[in-house]
């Protein structure tokens, strides 16, 4: 059996509530956020009102603040979320920047058997995202991970799967992980997973968390362990093209690691200043991305490619 596909309204809310009570499972909504004060409040308040205060589908809404320097923490807390700073969760385990780190750390401060992840920068969405993602987990025990997909409207027409999806993730899947080719939007930030399953996965600290979870799941349990659900329409803030270079680097690093390549090793230049440490100009767990804005003047950024081990060892 391949990847199961469905639509958000395939499951009536009453049926999901009944299944949740029958199985005795708790649901946590986790919102990783960094400098999202403009939108995180609406994400939290709308879910609380529709799925906690009106019905009891969600048991807790937790925002993991990933090194924000705006009012994300205060806005999320005022909206009714339980907010944790990523760096302050299990300080004995250290801290790293990144979305994946926030999601990995969430396992130490949440209690849900089912964990729904939702991006904080949404501005065109609805609360049916959450029950839509929970449907396959509550009704199909073999499903471990559920990805959302949606239309992404843009000013000049549909944005398809997103730039990094179309230019990086889809080619990687086609060449290295064809069993995931049925996924419409493999990098979607709205997804749900069984807590015990996610706790057993290695988690990249940055933007590669989504692709890594899919690859590790399909390899360990086959395509039938993954479902995808059409959530309708989603819009969010778009990043500058140069910033997407760092995201692409992290995704490529996670894919290479899962293909047996620990890190890229360009030809040795003979320059001791650039050929230090692991032979490619950066320390283990990071890459140096060189970009050119004008002529021969480069701008370099260090891109973290570190992965956290399975959290189950520390829970």
C-alpha atoms as a PDB file:
ATOM      1  CA  UNK A   1       0.000   0.000   0.000  1.00  0.00           C
ATOM      2  CA  UNK A   2       1.234   3.478  -0.862  1.00  0.00           C
ATOM      3  CA  UNK A   3       0.886   6.761   0.959  1.00  0.00           C
ATOM      4  CA  UNK A   4      -2.704   7.217   2.102  1.00  0.00           C
ATOM      5  CA  UNK A   5      -4.385  10.403   0.807  1.00  0.00           C
ATOM      6  CA  UNK A   6      -7.469  12.196   2.070  1.00  0.00           C
ATOM      7  CA  UNK A   7      -9.290  15.503   2.428  1.00  0.00           C
ATOM      8  CA  UNK A   8      -9.741  17.460   5.634  1.00  0.00           C
ATOM      9  CA  UNK A   9     -13.516  16.947   5.698  1.00  0.00           C
ATOM     10  CA  UNK A  10     -13.295  13.158   5.373  1.00  0.00           C
ATOM     11  CA  UNK A  11     -13.562  13.020   9.160  1.00  0.00           C
ATOM     12  CA  UNK A  12     -16.461  14.624  11.031  1.00  0.00           C
ATOM     13  CA  UNK A  13     -15.444  16.477  14.176  1.00  0.00           C
ATOM     14  CA  UNK A  14     -17.863  14.428  16.274  1.00  0.00           C
ATOM     15  CA  UNK A  15     -16.276  11.214  15.051  1.00  0.00           C
ATOM     16  CA  UNK A  16     -12.794  12.450  15.853  1.00  0.00           C
ATOM     17  CA  UNK A  17     -13.874  13.451  19.364  1.00  0.00           C
ATOM     18  CA  UNK A  18     -15.443  10.040  19.900  1.00  0.00           C
ATOM     19  CA  UNK A  19     -12.329   8.254  18.660  1.00  0.00           C
ATOM     20  CA  UNK A  20     -10.122  10.419  20.868  1.00  0.00           C
ATOM     21  CA  UNK A  21     -12.179   9.563  23.950  1.00  0.00           C
ATOM     22  CA  UNK A  22     -12.375   5.869  23.046  1.00  0.00           C
ATOM     23  CA  UNK A  23      -8.617   5.562  22.611  1.00  0.00           C
ATOM     24  CA  UNK A  24      -7.795   7.829  25.558  1.00  0.00           C
ATOM     25  CA  UNK A  25      -5.269   9.861  23.590  1.00  0.00           C
ATOM     26  CA  UNK A  26      -4.212  13.419  24.315  1.00  0.00           C
ATOM     27  CA  UNK A  27      -3.468  15.976  21.591  1.00  0.00           C
ATOM     28  CA  UNK A  28      -0.805  18.677  21.719  1.00  0.00           C
ATOM     29  CA  UNK A  29      -0.609  21.524  19.211  1.00  0.00           C
ATOM     30  CA  UNK A  30       2.981  22.774  18.941  1.00  0.00           C
ATOM     31  CA  UNK A  31       3.818  26.064  17.235  1.00  0.00           C
ATOM     32  CA  UNK A  32       7.542  26.662  16.709  1.00  0.00           C
ATOM     33  CA  UNK A  33       8.043  30.408  16.352  1.00  0.00           C
ATOM     34  CA  UNK A  34      10.821  32.904  15.797  1.00  0.00           C
ATOM     35  CA  UNK A  35       9.963  36.603  15.475  1.00  0.00           C
ATOM     36  CA  UNK A  36       6.329  35.927  14.573  1.00  0.00           C
ATOM     37  CA  UNK A  37       4.623  38.426  16.886  1.00  0.00           C
ATOM     38  CA  UNK A  38       2.444  39.656  14.012  1.00  0.00           C
ATOM     39  CA  UNK A  39       0.729  36.313  13.419  1.00  0.00           C
ATOM     40  CA  UNK A  40       1.316  33.870  16.275  1.00  0.00           C
ATOM     41  CA  UNK A  41      -1.438  35.382  18.442  1.00  0.00           C
ATOM     42  CA  UNK A  42      -4.145  34.634  15.880  1.00  0.00           C
ATOM     43  CA  UNK A  43      -2.861  31.083  15.358  1.00  0.00           C
ATOM     44  CA  UNK A  44      -3.069  30.403  19.091  1.00  0.00           C
ATOM     45  CA  UNK A  45      -6.341  32.176  19.873  1.00  0.00           C
ATOM     46  CA  UNK A  46      -8.285  30.698  16.952  1.00  0.00           C
ATOM     47  CA  UNK A  47      -7.243  27.134  17.754  1.00  0.00           C
ATOM     48  CA  UNK A  48      -7.993  27.599  21.448  1.00  0.00           C
ATOM     49  CA  UNK A  49     -11.449  29.008  20.766  1.00  0.00           C
ATOM     50  CA  UNK A  50     -12.468  26.440  18.151  1.00  0.00           C
ATOM     51  CA  UNK A  51     -10.802  23.267  19.410  1.00  0.00           C
ATOM     52  CA  UNK A  52     -10.273  23.715  23.157  1.00  0.00           C
ATOM     53  CA  UNK A  53     -12.948  26.080  24.479  1.00  0.00           C
ATOM     54  CA  UNK A  54     -15.778  24.992  22.150  1.00  0.00           C
ATOM     55  CA  UNK A  55     -14.868  21.300  21.837  1.00  0.00           C
ATOM     56  CA  UNK A  56     -12.141  19.271  23.523  1.00  0.00           C
ATOM     57  CA  UNK A  57     -10.146  18.017  20.561  1.00  0.00           C
ATOM     58  CA  UNK A  58      -6.881  19.750  21.538  1.00  0.00           C
ATOM     59  CA  UNK A  59      -5.623  19.402  25.098  1.00  0.00           C
ATOM     60  CA  UNK A  60      -2.802  21.954  25.028  1.00  0.00           C
ATOM     61  CA  UNK A  61      -1.381  24.651  22.771  1.00  0.00           C
ATOM     62  CA  UNK A  62       2.355  25.105  23.239  1.00  0.00           C
ATOM     63  CA  UNK A  63       4.509  27.724  21.529  1.00  0.00           C
ATOM     64  CA  UNK A  64       8.244  27.100  21.427  1.00  0.00           C
ATOM     65  CA  UNK A  65       9.943  30.471  21.089  1.00  0.00           C
ATOM     66  CA  UNK A  66      13.163  29.973  19.147  1.00  0.00           C
ATOM     67  CA  UNK A  67      15.393  32.913  20.087  1.00  0.00           C
ATOM     68  CA  UNK A  68      12.925  35.636  19.134  1.00  0.00           C
ATOM     69  CA  UNK A  69      13.958  39.240  19.621  1.00  0.00           C
ATOM     70  CA  UNK A  70      10.433  40.629  19.138  1.00  0.00           C
ATOM     71  CA  UNK A  71       7.257  40.190  21.238  1.00  0.00           C
ATOM     72  CA  UNK A  72       6.507  36.634  20.097  1.00  0.00           C
ATOM     73  CA  UNK A  73       6.647  35.264  23.658  1.00  0.00           C
ATOM     74  CA  UNK A  74       4.307  37.875  25.161  1.00  0.00           C
ATOM     75  CA  UNK A  75       1.837  37.798  22.253  1.00  0.00           C
ATOM     76  CA  UNK A  76       1.585  34.006  22.296  1.00  0.00           C
ATOM     77  CA  UNK A  77       1.162  33.921  26.066  1.00  0.00           C
ATOM     78  CA  UNK A  78      -1.548  36.601  25.971  1.00  0.00           C
ATOM     79  CA  UNK A  79      -3.389  34.594  23.322  1.00  0.00           C
ATOM     80  CA  UNK A  80      -3.579  31.607  25.650  1.00  0.00           C
ATOM     81  CA  UNK A  81      -0.606  29.434  24.749  1.00  0.00           C
ATOM     82  CA  UNK A  82       1.832  27.877  27.149  1.00  0.00           C
ATOM     83  CA  UNK A  83       5.095  29.375  25.953  1.00  0.00           C
ATOM     84  CA  UNK A  84       8.615  28.020  26.419  1.00  0.00           C
ATOM     85  CA  UNK A  85      11.878  29.463  25.214  1.00  0.00           C
ATOM     86  CA  UNK A  86      13.687  26.732  23.341  1.00  0.00           C
ATOM     87  CA  UNK A  87      17.013  27.581  24.958  1.00  0.00           C
ATOM     88  CA  UNK A  88      15.523  27.124  28.439  1.00  0.00           C
ATOM     89  CA  UNK A  89      14.106  23.638  27.835  1.00  0.00           C
ATOM     90  CA  UNK A  90      16.448  20.961  29.172  1.00  0.00           C
ATOM     91  CA  UNK A  91      19.451  23.288  29.407  1.00  0.00           C
ATOM     92  CA  UNK A  92      21.550  20.260  30.311  1.00  0.00           C
ATOM     93  CA  UNK A  93      21.206  19.173  26.683  1.00  0.00           C
ATOM     94  CA  UNK A  94      22.442  22.491  25.313  1.00  0.00           C
ATOM     95  CA  UNK A  95      20.706  24.626  22.734  1.00  0.00           C
ATOM     96  CA  UNK A  96      20.938  25.257  19.007  1.00  0.00           C
ATOM     97  CA  UNK A  97      19.157  27.683  16.690  1.00  0.00           C
ATOM     98  CA  UNK A  98      16.504  26.372  14.350  1.00  0.00           C
ATOM     99  CA  UNK A  99      12.984  25.133  13.757  1.00  0.00           C
ATOM    100  CA  UNK A 100      13.859  21.471  14.182  1.00  0.00           C
ATOM    101  CA  UNK A 101      15.493  22.192  17.522  1.00  0.00           C
ATOM    102  CA  UNK A 102      12.281  23.847  18.749  1.00  0.00           C
ATOM    103  CA  UNK A 103      10.232  20.854  17.624  1.00  0.00           C
ATOM    104  CA  UNK A 104      12.649  18.371  19.215  1.00  0.00           C
ATOM    105  CA  UNK A 105      12.624  20.361  22.477  1.00  0.00           C
ATOM    106  CA  UNK A 106       8.803  20.382  22.443  1.00  0.00           C
ATOM    107  CA  UNK A 107       8.815  16.689  23.353  1.00  0.00           C
ATOM    108  CA  UNK A 108      10.132  17.613  26.799  1.00  0.00           C
ATOM    109  CA  UNK A 109       7.331  20.075  27.615  1.00  0.00           C
ATOM    110  CA  UNK A 110       4.241  18.501  26.025  1.00  0.00           C
ATOM    111  CA  UNK A 111       2.107  15.531  27.033  1.00  0.00           C
ATOM    112  CA  UNK A 112       0.094  14.678  23.912  1.00  0.00           C
ATOM    113  CA  UNK A 113       0.110  11.179  22.463  1.00  0.00           C
ATOM    114  CA  UNK A 114      -0.534  12.891  19.125  1.00  0.00           C
ATOM    115  CA  UNK A 115       1.451  16.025  18.279  1.00  0.00           C
ATOM    116  CA  UNK A 116       0.290  18.503  15.637  1.00  0.00           C
ATOM    117  CA  UNK A 117       2.845  20.996  14.333  1.00  0.00           C
ATOM    118  CA  UNK A 118       1.702  24.286  12.826  1.00  0.00           C
ATOM    119  CA  UNK A 119       3.798  27.175  11.528  1.00  0.00           C
ATOM    120  CA  UNK A 120       3.416  30.519  13.293  1.00  0.00           C
ATOM    121  CA  UNK A 121       3.436  32.757  10.200  1.00  0.00           C
ATOM    122  CA  UNK A 122       0.038  31.804   8.762  1.00  0.00           C
ATOM    123  CA  UNK A 123      -2.322  34.534   7.594  1.00  0.00           C
ATOM    124  CA  UNK A 124      -4.781  32.663   5.348  1.00  0.00           C
ATOM    125  CA  UNK A 125      -5.863  29.408   6.998  1.00  0.00           C
ATOM    126  CA  UNK A 126      -8.575  27.879   9.168  1.00  0.00           C
ATOM    127  CA  UNK A 127      -8.766  25.715  12.259  1.00  0.00           C
ATOM    128  CA  UNK A 128      -9.909  22.677  10.245  1.00  0.00           C
ATOM    129  CA  UNK A 129      -6.178  22.132   9.628  1.00  0.00           C
ATOM    130  CA  UNK A 130      -5.894  20.448  13.030  1.00  0.00           C
ATOM    131  CA  UNK A 131      -8.736  17.891  12.840  1.00  0.00           C
ATOM    132  CA  UNK A 132      -7.799  17.226   9.220  1.00  0.00           C
ATOM    133  CA  UNK A 133      -4.295  16.194  10.274  1.00  0.00           C
ATOM    134  CA  UNK A 134      -5.555  14.159  13.223  1.00  0.00           C
ATOM    135  CA  UNK A 135      -8.036  12.114  11.185  1.00  0.00           C
ATOM    136  CA  UNK A 136      -5.628   9.478   9.843  1.00  0.00           C
ATOM    137  CA  UNK A 137      -3.856   9.114  13.199  1.00  0.00           C
ATOM    138  CA  UNK A 138      -7.084   8.581  15.124  1.00  0.00           C
ATOM    139  CA  UNK A 139      -8.637   6.175  12.605  1.00  0.00           C
ATOM    140  CA  UNK A 140      -5.674   4.252  11.189  1.00  0.00           C
ATOM    141  CA  UNK A 141      -3.275   2.758  13.764  1.00  0.00           C
ATOM    142  CA  UNK A 142      -0.656   1.942  11.110  1.00  0.00           C
ATOM    143  CA  UNK A 143      -0.257   5.630  10.209  1.00  0.00           C
ATOM    144  CA  UNK A 144       2.582   7.278  12.122  1.00  0.00           C
ATOM    145  CA  UNK A 145       2.941  10.645  10.353  1.00  0.00           C
ATOM    146  CA  UNK A 146       0.478  12.872   8.473  1.00  0.00           C
ATOM    147  CA  UNK A 147       1.486  15.683   6.109  1.00  0.00           C
ATOM    148  CA  UNK A 148      -0.772  18.511   5.087  1.00  0.00           C
ATOM    149  CA  UNK A 149      -0.937  19.946   1.585  1.00  0.00           C
ATOM    150  CA  UNK A 150      -2.833  22.926   0.222  1.00  0.00           C
ATOM    151  CA  UNK A 151      -3.159  25.542  -2.478  1.00  0.00           C
ATOM    152  CA  UNK A 152      -0.692  28.390  -1.989  1.00  0.00           C
ATOM    153  CA  UNK A 153      -2.148  31.494  -3.677  1.00  0.00           C
ATOM    154  CA  UNK A 154       0.201  34.241  -4.813  1.00  0.00           C
ATOM    155  CA  UNK A 155      -0.167  37.690  -6.301  1.00  0.00           C
ATOM    156  CA  UNK A 156       0.688  36.322  -9.752  1.00  0.00           C
ATOM    157  CA  UNK A 157      -0.999  32.946  -9.463  1.00  0.00           C
ATOM    158  CA  UNK A 158      -0.446  29.716  -7.521  1.00  0.00           C
ATOM    159  CA  UNK A 159       2.963  29.280  -5.897  1.00  0.00           C
ATOM    160  CA  UNK A 160       2.894  25.507  -6.407  1.00  0.00           C
ATOM    161  CA  UNK A 161       4.824  23.645  -3.728  1.00  0.00           C
ATOM    162  CA  UNK A 162       7.182  26.468  -2.821  1.00  0.00           C
ATOM    163  CA  UNK A 163      10.576  27.359  -4.246  1.00  0.00           C
ATOM    164  CA  UNK A 164      12.684  25.070  -2.059  1.00  0.00           C
ATOM    165  CA  UNK A 165      10.198  22.243  -2.581  1.00  0.00           C
ATOM    166  CA  UNK A 166      10.275  22.531  -6.361  1.00  0.00           C
ATOM    167  CA  UNK A 167      14.004  23.156  -6.753  1.00  0.00           C
ATOM    168  CA  UNK A 168      15.454  21.001  -3.963  1.00  0.00           C
ATOM    169  CA  UNK A 169      13.053  18.610  -2.249  1.00  0.00           C
ATOM    170  CA  UNK A 170      11.311  17.185  -5.321  1.00  0.00           C
ATOM    171  CA  UNK A 171      14.557  16.505  -7.218  1.00  0.00           C
ATOM    172  CA  UNK A 172      16.043  14.848  -4.125  1.00  0.00           C
ATOM    173  CA  UNK A 173      12.965  12.677  -3.728  1.00  0.00           C
ATOM    174  CA  UNK A 174      13.019  11.745  -7.412  1.00  0.00           C
ATOM    175  CA  UNK A 175      16.674  10.728  -7.300  1.00  0.00           C
ATOM    176  CA  UNK A 176      17.135   9.347  -3.788  1.00  0.00           C
ATOM    177  CA  UNK A 177      13.772   8.694  -2.113  1.00  0.00           C
ATOM    178  CA  UNK A 178      11.239   7.767  -4.846  1.00  0.00           C
ATOM    179  CA  UNK A 179       8.913   6.093  -2.338  1.00  0.00           C
ATOM    180  CA  UNK A 180       8.003   9.635  -1.214  1.00  0.00           C
ATOM    181  CA  UNK A 181       7.154  10.858  -4.732  1.00  0.00           C
ATOM    182  CA  UNK A 182       3.387  10.750  -4.030  1.00  0.00           C
ATOM    183  CA  UNK A 183       3.684  13.562  -1.495  1.00  0.00           C
ATOM    184  CA  UNK A 184       2.267  16.830  -2.781  1.00  0.00           C
ATOM    185  CA  UNK A 185       4.127  19.120  -0.376  1.00  0.00           C
ATOM    186  CA  UNK A 186       6.854  17.253   1.505  1.00  0.00           C
ATOM    187  CA  UNK A 187       8.112  20.397   3.260  1.00  0.00           C
ATOM    188  CA  UNK A 188       4.717  21.529   4.552  1.00  0.00           C
ATOM    189  CA  UNK A 189       4.966  22.955   8.049  1.00  0.00           C
ATOM    190  CA  UNK A 190       1.550  21.614   9.044  1.00  0.00           C
ATOM    191  CA  UNK A 191       1.871  17.955  10.000  1.00  0.00           C
ATOM    192  CA  UNK A 192       1.047  15.549  12.790  1.00  0.00           C
ATOM    193  CA  UNK A 193       2.851  12.574  14.261  1.00  0.00           C
ATOM    194  CA  UNK A 194       2.551  10.031  17.030  1.00  0.00           C
ATOM    195  CA  UNK A 195       4.628  11.200  19.964  1.00  0.00           C
ATOM    196  CA  UNK A 196       6.392   7.880  20.441  1.00  0.00           C
ATOM    197  CA  UNK A 197       7.326   7.784  16.755  1.00  0.00           C
ATOM    198  CA  UNK A 198       8.754  11.301  16.622  1.00  0.00           C
ATOM    199  CA  UNK A 199      10.672  10.657  19.840  1.00  0.00           C
ATOM    200  CA  UNK A 200      12.441   7.794  18.086  1.00  0.00           C
ATOM    201  CA  UNK A 201      13.690   9.860  15.142  1.00  0.00           C
ATOM    202  CA  UNK A 202      16.902  11.763  14.638  1.00  0.00           C
ATOM    203  CA  UNK A 203      15.901  15.424  14.190  1.00  0.00           C
ATOM    204  CA  UNK A 204      17.871  18.049  12.225  1.00  0.00           C
ATOM    205  CA  UNK A 205      17.956  21.268  14.215  1.00  0.00           C
ATOM    206  CA  UNK A 206      17.091  23.434  11.209  1.00  0.00           C
ATOM    207  CA  UNK A 207      14.674  23.381   8.289  1.00  0.00           C
ATOM    208  CA  UNK A 208      15.428  19.794   7.248  1.00  0.00           C
ATOM    209  CA  UNK A 209      13.225  18.378  10.011  1.00  0.00           C
ATOM    210  CA  UNK A 210      10.269  17.718   7.688  1.00  0.00           C
ATOM    211  CA  UNK A 211      12.158  15.862   4.963  1.00  0.00           C
ATOM    212  CA  UNK A 212      14.229  13.896   7.477  1.00  0.00           C
ATOM    213  CA  UNK A 213      11.125  12.705   9.332  1.00  0.00           C
ATOM    214  CA  UNK A 214       9.555  11.516   6.081  1.00  0.00           C
ATOM    215  CA  UNK A 215      12.651   9.666   4.890  1.00  0.00           C
ATOM    216  CA  UNK A 216      13.222   7.986   8.242  1.00  0.00           C
ATOM    217  CA  UNK A 217       9.559   7.011   8.532  1.00  0.00           C
ATOM    218  CA  UNK A 218       9.227   5.494   5.066  1.00  0.00           C
ATOM    219  CA  UNK A 219      12.471   3.573   5.516  1.00  0.00           C
ATOM    220  CA  UNK A 220      11.487   2.184   8.903  1.00  0.00           C
ATOM    221  CA  UNK A 221       7.799   1.458   8.327  1.00  0.00           C
ATOM    222  CA  UNK A 222       7.050   1.800   4.620  1.00  0.00           C
ATOM    223  CA  UNK A 223       4.756   4.192   2.695  1.00  0.00           C
ATOM    224  CA  UNK A 224       1.642   2.972   4.538  1.00  0.00           C
ATOM    225  CA  UNK A 225       2.960   4.660   7.702  1.00  0.00           C
ATOM    226  CA  UNK A 226       2.519   8.065   6.028  1.00  0.00           C
ATOM    227  CA  UNK A 227      -0.699   9.853   5.097  1.00  0.00           C
ATOM    228  CA  UNK A 228      -1.320  13.221   3.453  1.00  0.00           C
ATOM    229  CA  UNK A 229      -4.387  15.403   3.757  1.00  0.00           C
ATOM    230  CA  UNK A 230      -5.661  18.211   1.533  1.00  0.00           C
ATOM    231  CA  UNK A 231      -6.182  21.162   3.885  1.00  0.00           C
ATOM    232  CA  UNK A 232      -7.525  23.616   1.308  1.00  0.00           C
ATOM    233  CA  UNK A 233      -5.721  26.965   1.175  1.00  0.00           C
ATOM    234  CA  UNK A 234      -2.729  28.254   3.094  1.00  0.00           C
ATOM    235  CA  UNK A 235      -0.797  31.525   2.847  1.00  0.00           C
ATOM    236  CA  UNK A 236       2.177  32.687   4.848  1.00  0.00           C
ATOM    237  CA  UNK A 237       5.075  35.112   4.829  1.00  0.00           C
ATOM    238  CA  UNK A 238       7.661  34.365   2.144  1.00  0.00           C
ATOM    239  CA  UNK A 239      11.389  34.526   2.709  1.00  0.00           C
ATOM    240  CA  UNK A 240      13.920  36.278   0.501  1.00  0.00           C
ATOM    241  CA  UNK A 241      15.554  34.072  -2.130  1.00  0.00           C
ATOM    242  CA  UNK A 242      19.014  34.356  -0.550  1.00  0.00           C
ATOM    243  CA  UNK A 243      17.639  33.204   2.794  1.00  0.00           C
ATOM    244  CA  UNK A 244      16.239  30.115   1.105  1.00  0.00           C
ATOM    245  CA  UNK A 245      19.811  29.132   0.244  1.00  0.00           C
ATOM    246  CA  UNK A 246      20.432  28.279   3.896  1.00  0.00           C
ATOM    247  CA  UNK A 247      17.245  26.233   4.047  1.00  0.00           C
ATOM    248  CA  UNK A 248      18.231  24.344   0.903  1.00  0.00           C
ATOM    249  CA  UNK A 249      21.694  23.645   2.323  1.00  0.00           C
ATOM    250  CA  UNK A 250      20.209  22.096   5.453  1.00  0.00           C
ATOM    251  CA  UNK A 251      17.819  19.921   3.445  1.00  0.00           C
ATOM    252  CA  UNK A 252      20.615  18.742   1.167  1.00  0.00           C
ATOM    253  CA  UNK A 253      22.819  17.922   4.170  1.00  0.00           C
ATOM    254  CA  UNK A 254      20.075  15.790   5.759  1.00  0.00           C
ATOM    255  CA  UNK A 255      19.430  14.011   2.457  1.00  0.00           C
ATOM    256  CA  UNK A 256      23.126  13.322   1.900  1.00  0.00           C
ATOM    257  CA  UNK A 257      23.477  11.975   5.422  1.00  0.00           C
ATOM    258  CA  UNK A 258      20.574   9.594   4.817  1.00  0.00           C
ATOM    259  CA  UNK A 259      22.206   8.505   1.574  1.00  0.00           C
ATOM    260  CA  UNK A 260      25.442   7.566   3.306  1.00  0.00           C
ATOM    261  CA  UNK A 261      27.336  10.809   2.657  1.00  0.00           C
ATOM    262  CA  UNK A 262      28.300  12.515   5.915  1.00  0.00           C
ATOM    263  CA  UNK A 263      29.330  15.849   4.375  1.00  0.00           C
ATOM    264  CA  UNK A 264      30.398  17.302   1.051  1.00  0.00           C
ATOM    265  CA  UNK A 265      34.154  17.292   0.453  1.00  0.00           C
ATOM    266  CA  UNK A 266      35.236  19.658  -2.312  1.00  0.00           C
ATOM    267  CA  UNK A 267      38.650  19.335  -3.873  1.00  0.00           C
ATOM    268  CA  UNK A 268      41.397  20.354  -1.489  1.00  0.00           C
ATOM    269  CA  UNK A 269      42.593  23.845  -2.289  1.00  0.00           C
ATOM    270  CA  UNK A 270      45.888  23.743  -0.385  1.00  0.00           C
ATOM    271  CA  UNK A 271      44.825  26.754   1.656  1.00  0.00           C
ATOM    272  CA  UNK A 272      45.143  25.824   5.318  1.00  0.00           C
ATOM    273  CA  UNK A 273      42.770  28.613   6.296  1.00  0.00           C
ATOM    274  CA  UNK A 274      39.921  27.156   4.260  1.00  0.00           C
ATOM    275  CA  UNK A 275      40.723  23.437   4.372  1.00  0.00           C
ATOM    276  CA  UNK A 276      40.658  23.145   8.157  1.00  0.00           C
ATOM    277  CA  UNK A 277      38.614  20.962  10.478  1.00  0.00           C
ATOM    278  CA  UNK A 278      36.555  18.540   8.358  1.00  0.00           C
ATOM    279  CA  UNK A 279      38.163  19.414   5.022  1.00  0.00           C
ATOM    280  CA  UNK A 280      35.431  21.666   3.661  1.00  0.00           C
ATOM    281  CA  UNK A 281      35.907  24.944   5.480  1.00  0.00           C
ATOM    282  CA  UNK A 282      33.552  24.417   8.433  1.00  0.00           C
ATOM    283  CA  UNK A 283      33.291  22.509  11.666  1.00  0.00           C
ATOM    284  CA  UNK A 284      31.359  19.268  11.896  1.00  0.00           C
ATOM    285  CA  UNK A 285      27.642  20.005  12.018  1.00  0.00           C
ATOM    286  CA  UNK A 286      27.792  23.101   9.850  1.00  0.00           C
ATOM    287  CA  UNK A 287      28.476  24.235   6.292  1.00  0.00           C
ATOM    288  CA  UNK A 288      29.731  27.505   4.875  1.00  0.00           C
ATOM    289  CA  UNK A 289      27.411  28.863   2.188  1.00  0.00           C
ATOM    290  CA  UNK A 290      29.057  31.416  -0.075  1.00  0.00           C
ATOM    291  CA  UNK A 291      26.719  33.703  -2.013  1.00  0.00           C
ATOM    292  CA  UNK A 292      27.521  36.519  -4.420  1.00  0.00           C
ATOM    293  CA  UNK A 293      25.455  39.675  -4.346  1.00  0.00           C
ATOM    294  CA  UNK A 294      27.530  41.768  -6.721  1.00  0.00           C
ATOM    295  CA  UNK A 295      30.573  40.802  -8.754  1.00  0.00           C
ATOM    296  CA  UNK A 296      33.303  38.858  -6.970  1.00  0.00           C
ATOM    297  CA  UNK A 297      32.507  40.064  -3.456  1.00  0.00           C
ATOM    298  CA  UNK A 298      31.161  37.018  -1.555  1.00  0.00           C
ATOM    299  CA  UNK A 299      28.910  36.943   1.463  1.00  0.00           C
ATOM    300  CA  UNK A 300      29.435  33.879   3.612  1.00  0.00           C
ATOM    301  CA  UNK A 301      27.070  32.421   6.156  1.00  0.00           C
ATOM    302  CA  UNK A 302      27.578  29.457   8.421  1.00  0.00           C
ATOM    303  CA  UNK A 303      24.632  27.075   8.039  1.00  0.00           C
ATOM    304  CA  UNK A 304      24.040  24.636  10.924  1.00  0.00           C
ATOM    305  CA  UNK A 305      23.498  21.053   9.750  1.00  0.00           C
ATOM    306  CA  UNK A 306      23.520  19.416  13.181  1.00  0.00           C
ATOM    307  CA  UNK A 307      21.047  16.659  14.078  1.00  0.00           C
ATOM    308  CA  UNK A 308      19.665  15.808  17.485  1.00  0.00           C
ATOM    309  CA  UNK A 309      19.570  12.107  18.393  1.00  0.00           C
ATOM    310  CA  UNK A 310      16.269  10.428  19.181  1.00  0.00           C
ATOM    311  CA  UNK A 311      14.685  12.238  22.123  1.00  0.00           C
ATOM    312  CA  UNK A 312      13.424   8.978  23.650  1.00  0.00           C
ATOM    313  CA  UNK A 313      16.859   8.472  25.187  1.00  0.00           C
ATOM    314  CA  UNK A 314      16.372  11.600  27.319  1.00  0.00           C
ATOM    315  CA  UNK A 315      12.684  11.491  28.175  1.00  0.00           C
END
